[in-house]
Amino acid sequence: MAYKVAQNRIYIGGFSAGAHIVHEVALTNTDTFAAYSASAGALDVFADGNAPATAARRISVDIHSGTEDPLF
């Protein structure tokens, strides 16, 4: 069986400290990534508090944070 796969669509994801970094990497490279996922990582920690407003284009994101997370 054959599937149509868009090989030019790149996704990135990270957990905890990796999620902090993923926010910045994805939002400063919106021409490279189709979307990204961040689990247990605050958006403003490594994105200078201006993200996503400073991103070159809108990018889809999947964010997971626990309600007990102090950065939630």
PDB file of N, CA and C in Angstrom:
ATOM      1  N   MET A   1       0.841  -1.171   0.000  1.00  0.00           N
ATOM      2  CA  MET A   1       0.000   0.000   0.000  1.00  0.00           C
ATOM      3  C   MET A   1       0.895   1.247   0.000  1.00  0.00           C
ATOM      4  N   ALA A   2       0.579   2.215  -0.797  1.00  0.00           N
ATOM      5  CA  ALA A   2       1.362   3.444  -0.885  1.00  0.00           C
ATOM      6  C   ALA A   2       0.640   4.593  -0.179  1.00  0.00           C
ATOM      7  N   TYR A   3       1.404   5.449   0.464  1.00  0.00           N
ATOM      8  CA  TYR A   3       0.859   6.614   1.151  1.00  0.00           C
ATOM      9  C   TYR A   3       1.511   7.874   0.607  1.00  0.00           C
ATOM     10  N   LYS A   4       0.740   8.919   0.510  1.00  0.00           N
ATOM     11  CA  LYS A   4       1.295  10.207   0.097  1.00  0.00           C
ATOM     12  C   LYS A   4       1.845  10.896   1.344  1.00  0.00           C
ATOM     13  N   VAL A   5       3.148  11.056   1.401  1.00  0.00           N
ATOM     14  CA  VAL A   5       3.812  11.668   2.544  1.00  0.00           C
ATOM     15  C   VAL A   5       4.530  12.919   2.074  1.00  0.00           C
ATOM     16  N   ALA A   6       4.249  14.039   2.726  1.00  0.00           N
ATOM     17  CA  ALA A   6       4.912  15.295   2.386  1.00  0.00           C
ATOM     18  C   ALA A   6       6.291  15.312   3.044  1.00  0.00           C
ATOM     19  N   GLN A   7       7.297  14.956   2.295  1.00  0.00           N
ATOM     20  CA  GLN A   7       8.645  14.848   2.842  1.00  0.00           C
ATOM     21  C   GLN A   7       9.282  16.203   3.147  1.00  0.00           C
ATOM     22  N   ASN A   8       8.669  17.286   2.699  1.00  0.00           N
ATOM     23  CA  ASN A   8       9.211  18.610   2.976  1.00  0.00           C
ATOM     24  C   ASN A   8       8.610  19.220   4.254  1.00  0.00           C
ATOM     25  N   ARG A   9       7.785  18.480   4.970  1.00  0.00           N
ATOM     26  CA  ARG A   9       7.186  18.961   6.215  1.00  0.00           C
ATOM     27  C   ARG A   9       8.003  18.421   7.388  1.00  0.00           C
ATOM     28  N   ILE A  10       8.670  19.285   8.124  1.00  0.00           N
ATOM     29  CA  ILE A  10       9.520  18.891   9.243  1.00  0.00           C
ATOM     30  C   ILE A  10       8.864  19.330  10.540  1.00  0.00           C
ATOM     31  N   TYR A  11       8.849  18.420  11.508  1.00  0.00           N
ATOM     32  CA  TYR A  11       8.256  18.683  12.815  1.00  0.00           C
ATOM     33  C   TYR A  11       9.329  18.522  13.884  1.00  0.00           C
ATOM     34  N   ILE A  12       9.168  19.235  14.997  1.00  0.00           N
ATOM     35  CA  ILE A  12      10.143  19.182  16.082  1.00  0.00           C
ATOM     36  C   ILE A  12       9.378  19.121  17.401  1.00  0.00           C
ATOM     37  N   GLY A  13       9.959  18.461  18.385  1.00  0.00           N
ATOM     38  CA  GLY A  13       9.302  18.358  19.677  1.00  0.00           C
ATOM     39  C   GLY A  13      10.315  18.312  20.801  1.00  0.00           C
ATOM     40  N   GLY A  14       9.861  18.658  21.996  1.00  0.00           N
ATOM     41  CA  GLY A  14      10.753  18.615  23.144  1.00  0.00           C
ATOM     42  C   GLY A  14       9.985  18.474  24.439  1.00  0.00           C
ATOM     43  N   PHE A  15      10.669  17.961  25.462  1.00  0.00           N
ATOM     44  CA  PHE A  15      10.088  17.761  26.781  1.00  0.00           C
ATOM     45  C   PHE A  15      10.916  18.510  27.819  1.00  0.00           C
ATOM     46  N   SER A  16      10.254  19.197  28.736  1.00  0.00           N
ATOM     47  CA  SER A  16      10.859  19.919  29.853  1.00  0.00           C
ATOM     48  C   SER A  16      11.833  20.979  29.320  1.00  0.00           C
ATOM     49  N   ALA A  17      13.105  20.897  29.683  1.00  0.00           N
ATOM     50  CA  ALA A  17      14.064  21.898  29.199  1.00  0.00           C
ATOM     51  C   ALA A  17      14.142  21.875  27.675  1.00  0.00           C
ATOM     52  N   GLY A  18      13.986  20.683  27.091  1.00  0.00           N
ATOM     53  CA  GLY A  18      13.962  20.574  25.633  1.00  0.00           C
ATOM     54  C   GLY A  18      12.774  21.303  25.031  1.00  0.00           C
ATOM     55  N   ALA A  19      11.662  21.345  25.760  1.00  0.00           N
ATOM     56  CA  ALA A  19      10.481  22.074  25.281  1.00  0.00           C
ATOM     57  C   ALA A  19      10.720  23.575  25.297  1.00  0.00           C
ATOM     58  N   HIS A  20      11.467  24.061  26.297  1.00  0.00           N
ATOM     59  CA  HIS A  20      11.817  25.488  26.320  1.00  0.00           C
ATOM     60  C   HIS A  20      12.593  25.841  25.049  1.00  0.00           C
ATOM     61  N   ILE A  21      13.559  25.027  24.721  1.00  0.00           N
ATOM     62  CA  ILE A  21      14.396  25.254  23.540  1.00  0.00           C
ATOM     63  C   ILE A  21      13.578  25.125  22.260  1.00  0.00           C
ATOM     64  N   VAL A  22      12.682  24.138  22.205  1.00  0.00           N
ATOM     65  CA  VAL A  22      11.860  23.913  21.012  1.00  0.00           C
ATOM     66  C   VAL A  22      11.023  25.145  20.683  1.00  0.00           C
ATOM     67  N   HIS A  23      10.470  25.805  21.705  1.00  0.00           N
ATOM     68  CA  HIS A  23       9.713  27.032  21.440  1.00  0.00           C
ATOM     69  C   HIS A  23      10.569  28.023  20.655  1.00  0.00           C
ATOM     70  N   GLU A  24      11.763  28.282  21.130  1.00  0.00           N
ATOM     71  CA  GLU A  24      12.611  29.267  20.469  1.00  0.00           C
ATOM     72  C   GLU A  24      13.072  28.795  19.095  1.00  0.00           C
ATOM     73  N   VAL A  25      13.516  27.553  18.994  1.00  0.00           N
ATOM     74  CA  VAL A  25      13.996  27.034  17.708  1.00  0.00           C
ATOM     75  C   VAL A  25      12.892  27.076  16.663  1.00  0.00           C
ATOM     76  N   ALA A  26      11.710  26.608  17.007  1.00  0.00           N
ATOM     77  CA  ALA A  26      10.605  26.574  16.049  1.00  0.00           C
ATOM     78  C   ALA A  26      10.144  27.974  15.661  1.00  0.00           C
ATOM     79  N   LEU A  27      10.042  28.865  16.647  1.00  0.00           N
ATOM     80  CA  LEU A  27       9.512  30.199  16.363  1.00  0.00           C
ATOM     81  C   LEU A  27      10.517  31.108  15.661  1.00  0.00           C
ATOM     82  N   THR A  28      11.794  30.791  15.741  1.00  0.00           N
ATOM     83  CA  THR A  28      12.782  31.577  15.008  1.00  0.00           C
ATOM     84  C   THR A  28      13.143  30.936  13.664  1.00  0.00           C
ATOM     85  N   ASN A  29      12.576  29.772  13.389  1.00  0.00           N
ATOM     86  CA  ASN A  29      12.820  29.064  12.129  1.00  0.00           C
ATOM     87  C   ASN A  29      11.507  28.578  11.526  1.00  0.00           C
ATOM     88  N   THR A  30      10.537  29.461  11.447  1.00  0.00           N
ATOM     89  CA  THR A  30       9.216  29.068  10.947  1.00  0.00           C
ATOM     90  C   THR A  30       9.247  28.662   9.473  1.00  0.00           C
ATOM     91  N   ASP A  31      10.281  29.041   8.749  1.00  0.00           N
ATOM     92  CA  ASP A  31      10.408  28.631   7.354  1.00  0.00           C
ATOM     93  C   ASP A  31      10.890  27.187   7.240  1.00  0.00           C
ATOM     94  N   THR A  32      11.430  26.631   8.326  1.00  0.00           N
ATOM     95  CA  THR A  32      11.938  25.257   8.331  1.00  0.00           C
ATOM     96  C   THR A  32      10.914  24.266   8.859  1.00  0.00           C
ATOM     97  N   PHE A  33      10.183  24.649   9.899  1.00  0.00           N
ATOM     98  CA  PHE A  33       9.288  23.714  10.580  1.00  0.00           C
ATOM     99  C   PHE A  33       7.827  23.948  10.217  1.00  0.00           C
ATOM    100  N   ALA A  34       7.108  22.841  10.020  1.00  0.00           N
ATOM    101  CA  ALA A  34       5.678  22.906   9.726  1.00  0.00           C
ATOM    102  C   ALA A  34       4.884  23.103  11.011  1.00  0.00           C
ATOM    103  N   ALA A  35       5.349  22.489  12.102  1.00  0.00           N
ATOM    104  CA  ALA A  35       4.682  22.571  13.400  1.00  0.00           C
ATOM    105  C   ALA A  35       5.633  22.043  14.455  1.00  0.00           C
ATOM    106  N   TYR A  36       5.265  22.250  15.725  1.00  0.00           N
ATOM    107  CA  TYR A  36       6.090  21.708  16.794  1.00  0.00           C
ATOM    108  C   TYR A  36       5.250  21.334  18.000  1.00  0.00           C
ATOM    109  N   SER A  37       5.860  20.545  18.895  1.00  0.00           N
ATOM    110  CA  SER A  37       5.194  20.089  20.102  1.00  0.00           C
ATOM    111  C   SER A  37       6.095  20.361  21.297  1.00  0.00           C
ATOM    112  N   ALA A  38       5.513  20.913  22.361  1.00  0.00           N
ATOM    113  CA  ALA A  38       6.257  21.196  23.584  1.00  0.00           C
ATOM    114  C   ALA A  38       5.502  20.603  24.762  1.00  0.00           C
ATOM    115  N   SER A  39       6.184  19.774  25.537  1.00  0.00           N
ATOM    116  CA  SER A  39       5.566  19.149  26.702  1.00  0.00           C
ATOM    117  C   SER A  39       6.327  19.587  27.947  1.00  0.00           C
ATOM    118  N   ALA A  40       5.617  20.195  28.884  1.00  0.00           N
ATOM    119  CA  ALA A  40       6.188  20.653  30.160  1.00  0.00           C
ATOM    120  C   ALA A  40       7.272  21.707  29.954  1.00  0.00           C
ATOM    121  N   GLY A  41       7.027  22.637  29.063  1.00  0.00           N
ATOM    122  CA  GLY A  41       7.984  23.714  28.823  1.00  0.00           C
ATOM    123  C   GLY A  41       7.271  25.027  28.596  1.00  0.00           C
ATOM    124  N   ALA A  42       7.625  26.052  29.354  1.00  0.00           N
ATOM    125  CA  ALA A  42       6.958  27.349  29.248  1.00  0.00           C
ATOM    126  C   ALA A  42       7.413  28.103  28.008  1.00  0.00           C
ATOM    127  N   LEU A  43       6.484  28.753  27.353  1.00  0.00           N
ATOM    128  CA  LEU A  43       6.768  29.485  26.122  1.00  0.00           C
ATOM    129  C   LEU A  43       7.723  30.642  26.339  1.00  0.00           C
ATOM    130  N   ASP A  44       7.554  31.411  27.405  1.00  0.00           N
ATOM    131  CA  ASP A  44       8.345  32.634  27.558  1.00  0.00           C
ATOM    132  C   ASP A  44       9.707  32.434  28.198  1.00  0.00           C
ATOM    133  N   VAL A  45      10.040  31.252  28.683  1.00  0.00           N
ATOM    134  CA  VAL A  45      11.309  31.057  29.378  1.00  0.00           C
ATOM    135  C   VAL A  45      12.506  31.320  28.470  1.00  0.00           C
ATOM    136  N   PHE A  46      12.517  30.735  27.280  1.00  0.00           N
ATOM    137  CA  PHE A  46      13.649  30.918  26.371  1.00  0.00           C
ATOM    138  C   PHE A  46      13.286  31.717  25.127  1.00  0.00           C
ATOM    139  N   ALA A  47      12.080  32.232  25.058  1.00  0.00           N
ATOM    140  CA  ALA A  47      11.650  32.969  23.866  1.00  0.00           C
ATOM    141  C   ALA A  47      11.553  34.468  24.149  1.00  0.00           C
ATOM    142  N   ASP A  48      12.243  34.943  25.153  1.00  0.00           N
ATOM    143  CA  ASP A  48      12.341  36.366  25.487  1.00  0.00           C
ATOM    144  C   ASP A  48      11.004  37.026  25.814  1.00  0.00           C
ATOM    145  N   GLY A  49       9.977  36.271  26.075  1.00  0.00           N
ATOM    146  CA  GLY A  49       8.679  36.841  26.428  1.00  0.00           C
ATOM    147  C   GLY A  49       7.946  37.497  25.269  1.00  0.00           C
ATOM    148  N   ASN A  50       8.563  37.592  24.094  1.00  0.00           N
ATOM    149  CA  ASN A  50       7.938  38.217  22.927  1.00  0.00           C
ATOM    150  C   ASN A  50       7.349  37.197  21.960  1.00  0.00           C
ATOM    151  N   ALA A  51       7.627  35.964  22.160  1.00  0.00           N
ATOM    152  CA  ALA A  51       7.087  34.935  21.273  1.00  0.00           C
ATOM    153  C   ALA A  51       5.640  34.670  21.648  1.00  0.00           C
ATOM    154  N   PRO A  52       4.801  34.360  20.749  1.00  0.00           N
ATOM    155  CA  PRO A  52       5.083  34.125  19.333  1.00  0.00           C
ATOM    156  C   PRO A  52       4.974  35.366  18.457  1.00  0.00           C
ATOM    157  N   ALA A  53       4.822  36.539  19.049  1.00  0.00           N
ATOM    158  CA  ALA A  53       4.642  37.767  18.265  1.00  0.00           C
ATOM    159  C   ALA A  53       5.814  38.043  17.325  1.00  0.00           C
ATOM    160  N   THR A  54       7.011  37.593  17.665  1.00  0.00           N
ATOM    161  CA  THR A  54       8.179  37.859  16.833  1.00  0.00           C
ATOM    162  C   THR A  54       8.402  36.818  15.739  1.00  0.00           C
ATOM    163  N   ALA A  55       7.569  35.789  15.690  1.00  0.00           N
ATOM    164  CA  ALA A  55       7.719  34.753  14.662  1.00  0.00           C
ATOM    165  C   ALA A  55       7.409  35.327  13.286  1.00  0.00           C
ATOM    166  N   ALA A  56       8.120  34.837  12.277  1.00  0.00           N
ATOM    167  CA  ALA A  56       7.941  35.331  10.907  1.00  0.00           C
ATOM    168  C   ALA A  56       6.582  34.943  10.328  1.00  0.00           C
ATOM    169  N   ARG A  57       6.031  33.819  10.771  1.00  0.00           N
ATOM    170  CA  ARG A  57       4.706  33.385  10.322  1.00  0.00           C
ATOM    171  C   ARG A  57       4.078  32.553  11.429  1.00  0.00           C
ATOM    172  N   ARG A  58       2.776  32.343  11.332  1.00  0.00           N
ATOM    173  CA  ARG A  58       2.091  31.476  12.290  1.00  0.00           C
ATOM    174  C   ARG A  58       2.518  30.040  12.061  1.00  0.00           C
ATOM    175  N   ILE A  59       2.671  29.317  13.151  1.00  0.00           N
ATOM    176  CA  ILE A  59       3.079  27.922  13.082  1.00  0.00           C
ATOM    177  C   ILE A  59       2.221  27.138  14.074  1.00  0.00           C
ATOM    178  N   SER A  60       1.777  25.971  13.682  1.00  0.00           N
ATOM    179  CA  SER A  60       0.961  25.140  14.557  1.00  0.00           C
ATOM    180  C   SER A  60       1.801  24.600  15.705  1.00  0.00           C
ATOM    181  N   VAL A  61       1.175  24.533  16.893  1.00  0.00           N
ATOM    182  CA  VAL A  61       1.892  24.038  18.074  1.00  0.00           C
ATOM    183  C   VAL A  61       0.958  23.168  18.911  1.00  0.00           C
ATOM    184  N   ASP A  62       1.527  22.143  19.508  1.00  0.00           N
ATOM    185  CA  ASP A  62       0.826  21.246  20.426  1.00  0.00           C
ATOM    186  C   ASP A  62       1.538  21.396  21.770  1.00  0.00           C
ATOM    187  N   ILE A  63       0.854  21.996  22.760  1.00  0.00           N
ATOM    188  CA  ILE A  63       1.470  22.265  24.060  1.00  0.00           C
ATOM    189  C   ILE A  63       0.790  21.434  25.141  1.00  0.00           C
ATOM    190  N   HIS A  64       1.606  20.792  25.971  1.00  0.00           N
ATOM    191  CA  HIS A  64       1.105  20.011  27.098  1.00  0.00           C
ATOM    192  C   HIS A  64       1.776  20.509  28.377  1.00  0.00           C
ATOM    193  N   SER A  65       0.975  20.922  29.358  1.00  0.00           N
ATOM    194  CA  SER A  65       1.486  21.346  30.662  1.00  0.00           C
ATOM    195  C   SER A  65       0.554  20.817  31.736  1.00  0.00           C
ATOM    196  N   GLY A  66       1.134  20.399  32.843  1.00  0.00           N
ATOM    197  CA  GLY A  66       0.330  19.937  33.960  1.00  0.00           C
ATOM    198  C   GLY A  66      -0.197  21.106  34.775  1.00  0.00           C
ATOM    199  N   THR A  67      -1.328  20.921  35.415  1.00  0.00           N
ATOM    200  CA  THR A  67      -1.920  22.007  36.207  1.00  0.00           C
ATOM    201  C   THR A  67      -1.111  22.317  37.459  1.00  0.00           C
ATOM    202  N   GLU A  68      -0.234  21.410  37.881  1.00  0.00           N
ATOM    203  CA  GLU A  68       0.622  21.651  39.036  1.00  0.00           C
ATOM    204  C   GLU A  68       1.951  22.281  38.649  1.00  0.00           C
ATOM    205  N   ASP A  69       2.177  22.474  37.362  1.00  0.00           N
ATOM    206  CA  ASP A  69       3.418  23.077  36.882  1.00  0.00           C
ATOM    207  C   ASP A  69       3.438  24.551  37.295  1.00  0.00           C
ATOM    208  N   PRO A  70       4.464  25.006  38.045  1.00  0.00           N
ATOM    209  CA  PRO A  70       4.503  26.410  38.489  1.00  0.00           C
ATOM    210  C   PRO A  70       4.632  27.413  37.344  1.00  0.00           C
ATOM    211  N   LEU A  71       5.036  26.974  36.156  1.00  0.00           N
ATOM    212  CA  LEU A  71       5.161  27.867  34.998  1.00  0.00           C
ATOM    213  C   LEU A  71       3.900  27.872  34.140  1.00  0.00           C
ATOM    214  N   PHE A  72       2.890  27.086  34.530  1.00  0.00           N
ATOM    215  CA  PHE A  72       1.658  26.956  33.757  1.00  0.00           C
ATOM    216  C   PHE A  72       0.905  28.257  33.708  1.00  0.00           C
TER     217      PHE A  72
END
